[in-house]
């Protein structure tokens, strides 16, 4: 398939614009006070902006949305951020009562 010069130019500009959107998003996330937001990954393709990664609270997930929701040229925002409770904060699993039969007294 041969592309015309106009089509090639449009594709190059679209790719450059996508790179700018992703770069701006990464800069915004890097400037956040929440370390988990700095580790999020994002991509932009044909008007769809996708953010992926893990955070430890729903508040952090909401902050990511607030930081990224007004990016230019984004027609659809796909939030694939997972909230994973840190291991150190997980509640211990309660032990089941001993299943061995007890003798009647």
C-alpha atoms as a PDB file:
ATOM      1  CA  UNK A   1       0.000   0.000   0.000  1.00  0.00           C
ATOM      2  CA  UNK A   2       1.449   3.318  -1.054  1.00  0.00           C
ATOM      3  CA  UNK A   3       0.807   6.374   1.037  1.00  0.00           C
ATOM      4  CA  UNK A   4       0.509   9.849  -0.343  1.00  0.00           C
ATOM      5  CA  UNK A   5       2.693  12.595   1.025  1.00  0.00           C
ATOM      6  CA  UNK A   6      -0.321  14.107   2.786  1.00  0.00           C
ATOM      7  CA  UNK A   7      -1.167  10.794   4.430  1.00  0.00           C
ATOM      8  CA  UNK A   8       2.424  10.252   5.520  1.00  0.00           C
ATOM      9  CA  UNK A   9       2.570  13.777   6.905  1.00  0.00           C
ATOM     10  CA  UNK A  10      -0.702  13.276   8.774  1.00  0.00           C
ATOM     11  CA  UNK A  11       0.564  10.015  10.285  1.00  0.00           C
ATOM     12  CA  UNK A  12       3.827  11.609  11.363  1.00  0.00           C
ATOM     13  CA  UNK A  13       1.998  14.550  12.930  1.00  0.00           C
ATOM     14  CA  UNK A  14      -0.466  12.229  14.691  1.00  0.00           C
ATOM     15  CA  UNK A  15       2.412  10.183  16.075  1.00  0.00           C
ATOM     16  CA  UNK A  16       4.230  13.307  17.202  1.00  0.00           C
ATOM     17  CA  UNK A  17       1.074  14.647  18.852  1.00  0.00           C
ATOM     18  CA  UNK A  18       0.501  11.316  20.619  1.00  0.00           C
ATOM     19  CA  UNK A  19       4.058  11.429  21.948  1.00  0.00           C
ATOM     20  CA  UNK A  20       3.459  14.983  23.219  1.00  0.00           C
ATOM     21  CA  UNK A  21       0.268  13.952  25.021  1.00  0.00           C
ATOM     22  CA  UNK A  22       2.026  11.015  26.705  1.00  0.00           C
ATOM     23  CA  UNK A  23       5.026  13.177  27.611  1.00  0.00           C
ATOM     24  CA  UNK A  24       2.770  15.809  29.199  1.00  0.00           C
ATOM     25  CA  UNK A  25       0.914  13.119  31.141  1.00  0.00           C
ATOM     26  CA  UNK A  26       4.170  11.638  32.422  1.00  0.00           C
ATOM     27  CA  UNK A  27       5.398  15.091  33.457  1.00  0.00           C
ATOM     28  CA  UNK A  28       2.184  15.707  35.382  1.00  0.00           C
ATOM     29  CA  UNK A  29       2.415  12.343  37.127  1.00  0.00           C
ATOM     30  CA  UNK A  30       6.097  12.899  37.924  1.00  0.00           C
ATOM     31  CA  UNK A  31       5.209  16.185  39.625  1.00  0.00           C
ATOM     32  CA  UNK A  32       2.697  14.514  41.957  1.00  0.00           C
ATOM     33  CA  UNK A  33       3.331  14.143  45.659  1.00  0.00           C
ATOM     34  CA  UNK A  34       2.159  10.528  45.511  1.00  0.00           C
ATOM     35  CA  UNK A  35       4.996   8.123  44.601  1.00  0.00           C
ATOM     36  CA  UNK A  36       2.541   5.518  43.275  1.00  0.00           C
ATOM     37  CA  UNK A  37       1.343   7.967  40.611  1.00  0.00           C
ATOM     38  CA  UNK A  38       4.892   8.413  39.354  1.00  0.00           C
ATOM     39  CA  UNK A  39       5.003   4.700  38.530  1.00  0.00           C
ATOM     40  CA  UNK A  40       1.847   4.654  36.387  1.00  0.00           C
ATOM     41  CA  UNK A  41       2.188   3.922  32.684  1.00  0.00           C
ATOM     42  CA  UNK A  42       0.224   5.692  29.996  1.00  0.00           C
ATOM     43  CA  UNK A  43      -0.304   5.544  26.263  1.00  0.00           C
ATOM     44  CA  UNK A  44      -2.302   7.505  23.710  1.00  0.00           C
ATOM     45  CA  UNK A  45      -3.593   6.243  20.379  1.00  0.00           C
ATOM     46  CA  UNK A  46      -6.258   7.709  18.097  1.00  0.00           C
ATOM     47  CA  UNK A  47      -7.843   9.846  20.802  1.00  0.00           C
ATOM     48  CA  UNK A  48      -7.860   7.104  23.461  1.00  0.00           C
ATOM     49  CA  UNK A  49      -5.685   7.750  26.502  1.00  0.00           C
ATOM     50  CA  UNK A  50      -4.988   4.694  28.676  1.00  0.00           C
ATOM     51  CA  UNK A  51      -3.417   4.747  32.115  1.00  0.00           C
ATOM     52  CA  UNK A  52      -2.242   1.506  33.759  1.00  0.00           C
ATOM     53  CA  UNK A  53      -0.572   0.517  36.976  1.00  0.00           C
ATOM     54  CA  UNK A  54      -1.164  -0.072  40.644  1.00  0.00           C
ATOM     55  CA  UNK A  55      -1.807   2.253  43.539  1.00  0.00           C
ATOM     56  CA  UNK A  56      -2.473   1.482  47.183  1.00  0.00           C
ATOM     57  CA  UNK A  57      -5.621   3.572  47.751  1.00  0.00           C
ATOM     58  CA  UNK A  58      -8.701   4.707  45.886  1.00  0.00           C
ATOM     59  CA  UNK A  59      -7.673   8.260  46.741  1.00  0.00           C
ATOM     60  CA  UNK A  60      -4.470   7.832  44.710  1.00  0.00           C
ATOM     61  CA  UNK A  61      -6.492   6.434  41.822  1.00  0.00           C
ATOM     62  CA  UNK A  62      -8.789   9.454  41.954  1.00  0.00           C
ATOM     63  CA  UNK A  63      -5.801  11.805  42.079  1.00  0.00           C
ATOM     64  CA  UNK A  64      -4.437  10.216  38.897  1.00  0.00           C
ATOM     65  CA  UNK A  65      -7.760  10.924  37.203  1.00  0.00           C
ATOM     66  CA  UNK A  66      -7.754  14.542  38.400  1.00  0.00           C
ATOM     67  CA  UNK A  67      -4.189  15.086  37.147  1.00  0.00           C
ATOM     68  CA  UNK A  68      -4.846  13.572  33.717  1.00  0.00           C
ATOM     69  CA  UNK A  69      -8.510  14.266  32.929  1.00  0.00           C
ATOM     70  CA  UNK A  70      -8.010  17.520  31.018  1.00  0.00           C
ATOM     71  CA  UNK A  71      -5.304  16.449  28.549  1.00  0.00           C
ATOM     72  CA  UNK A  72      -5.781  17.959  25.089  1.00  0.00           C
ATOM     73  CA  UNK A  73      -6.947  15.757  22.198  1.00  0.00           C
ATOM     74  CA  UNK A  74      -8.184  12.991  24.508  1.00  0.00           C
ATOM     75  CA  UNK A  75     -11.596  11.778  23.406  1.00  0.00           C
ATOM     76  CA  UNK A  76     -11.741   8.734  25.665  1.00  0.00           C
ATOM     77  CA  UNK A  77     -10.014   8.010  28.960  1.00  0.00           C
ATOM     78  CA  UNK A  78      -9.413   4.338  29.845  1.00  0.00           C
ATOM     79  CA  UNK A  79      -8.619   3.849  33.522  1.00  0.00           C
ATOM     80  CA  UNK A  80      -6.872   0.524  34.088  1.00  0.00           C
ATOM     81  CA  UNK A  81      -5.368   1.511  37.439  1.00  0.00           C
ATOM     82  CA  UNK A  82      -5.707  -1.206  40.078  1.00  0.00           C
ATOM     83  CA  UNK A  83      -5.982  -0.517  43.787  1.00  0.00           C
ATOM     84  CA  UNK A  84      -3.804  -3.054  45.578  1.00  0.00           C
ATOM     85  CA  UNK A  85      -3.526  -2.857  49.339  1.00  0.00           C
ATOM     86  CA  UNK A  86       0.143  -2.997  50.409  1.00  0.00           C
ATOM     87  CA  UNK A  87       1.191  -6.274  52.021  1.00  0.00           C
ATOM     88  CA  UNK A  88       2.269  -4.507  55.208  1.00  0.00           C
ATOM     89  CA  UNK A  89      -1.244  -3.087  55.669  1.00  0.00           C
ATOM     90  CA  UNK A  90      -3.227  -6.220  54.896  1.00  0.00           C
ATOM     91  CA  UNK A  91      -5.114  -7.636  57.795  1.00  0.00           C
ATOM     92  CA  UNK A  92      -3.927 -10.967  59.019  1.00  0.00           C
ATOM     93  CA  UNK A  93      -6.126 -13.821  57.895  1.00  0.00           C
ATOM     94  CA  UNK A  94      -7.930 -15.142  60.926  1.00  0.00           C
ATOM     95  CA  UNK A  95      -7.047 -18.687  61.749  1.00  0.00           C
ATOM     96  CA  UNK A  96      -9.838 -21.205  61.638  1.00  0.00           C
ATOM     97  CA  UNK A  97     -10.686 -22.880  64.908  1.00  0.00           C
ATOM     98  CA  UNK A  98      -8.912 -26.140  65.460  1.00  0.00           C
ATOM     99  CA  UNK A  99     -10.807 -28.804  63.528  1.00  0.00           C
ATOM    100  CA  UNK A 100      -9.751 -31.692  65.738  1.00  0.00           C
ATOM    101  CA  UNK A 101     -12.637 -33.255  67.645  1.00  0.00           C
ATOM    102  CA  UNK A 102     -12.863 -32.414  71.298  1.00  0.00           C
ATOM    103  CA  UNK A 103     -13.493 -34.986  73.951  1.00  0.00           C
ATOM    104  CA  UNK A 104     -16.545 -34.619  76.038  1.00  0.00           C
ATOM    105  CA  UNK A 105     -15.866 -34.196  79.725  1.00  0.00           C
END
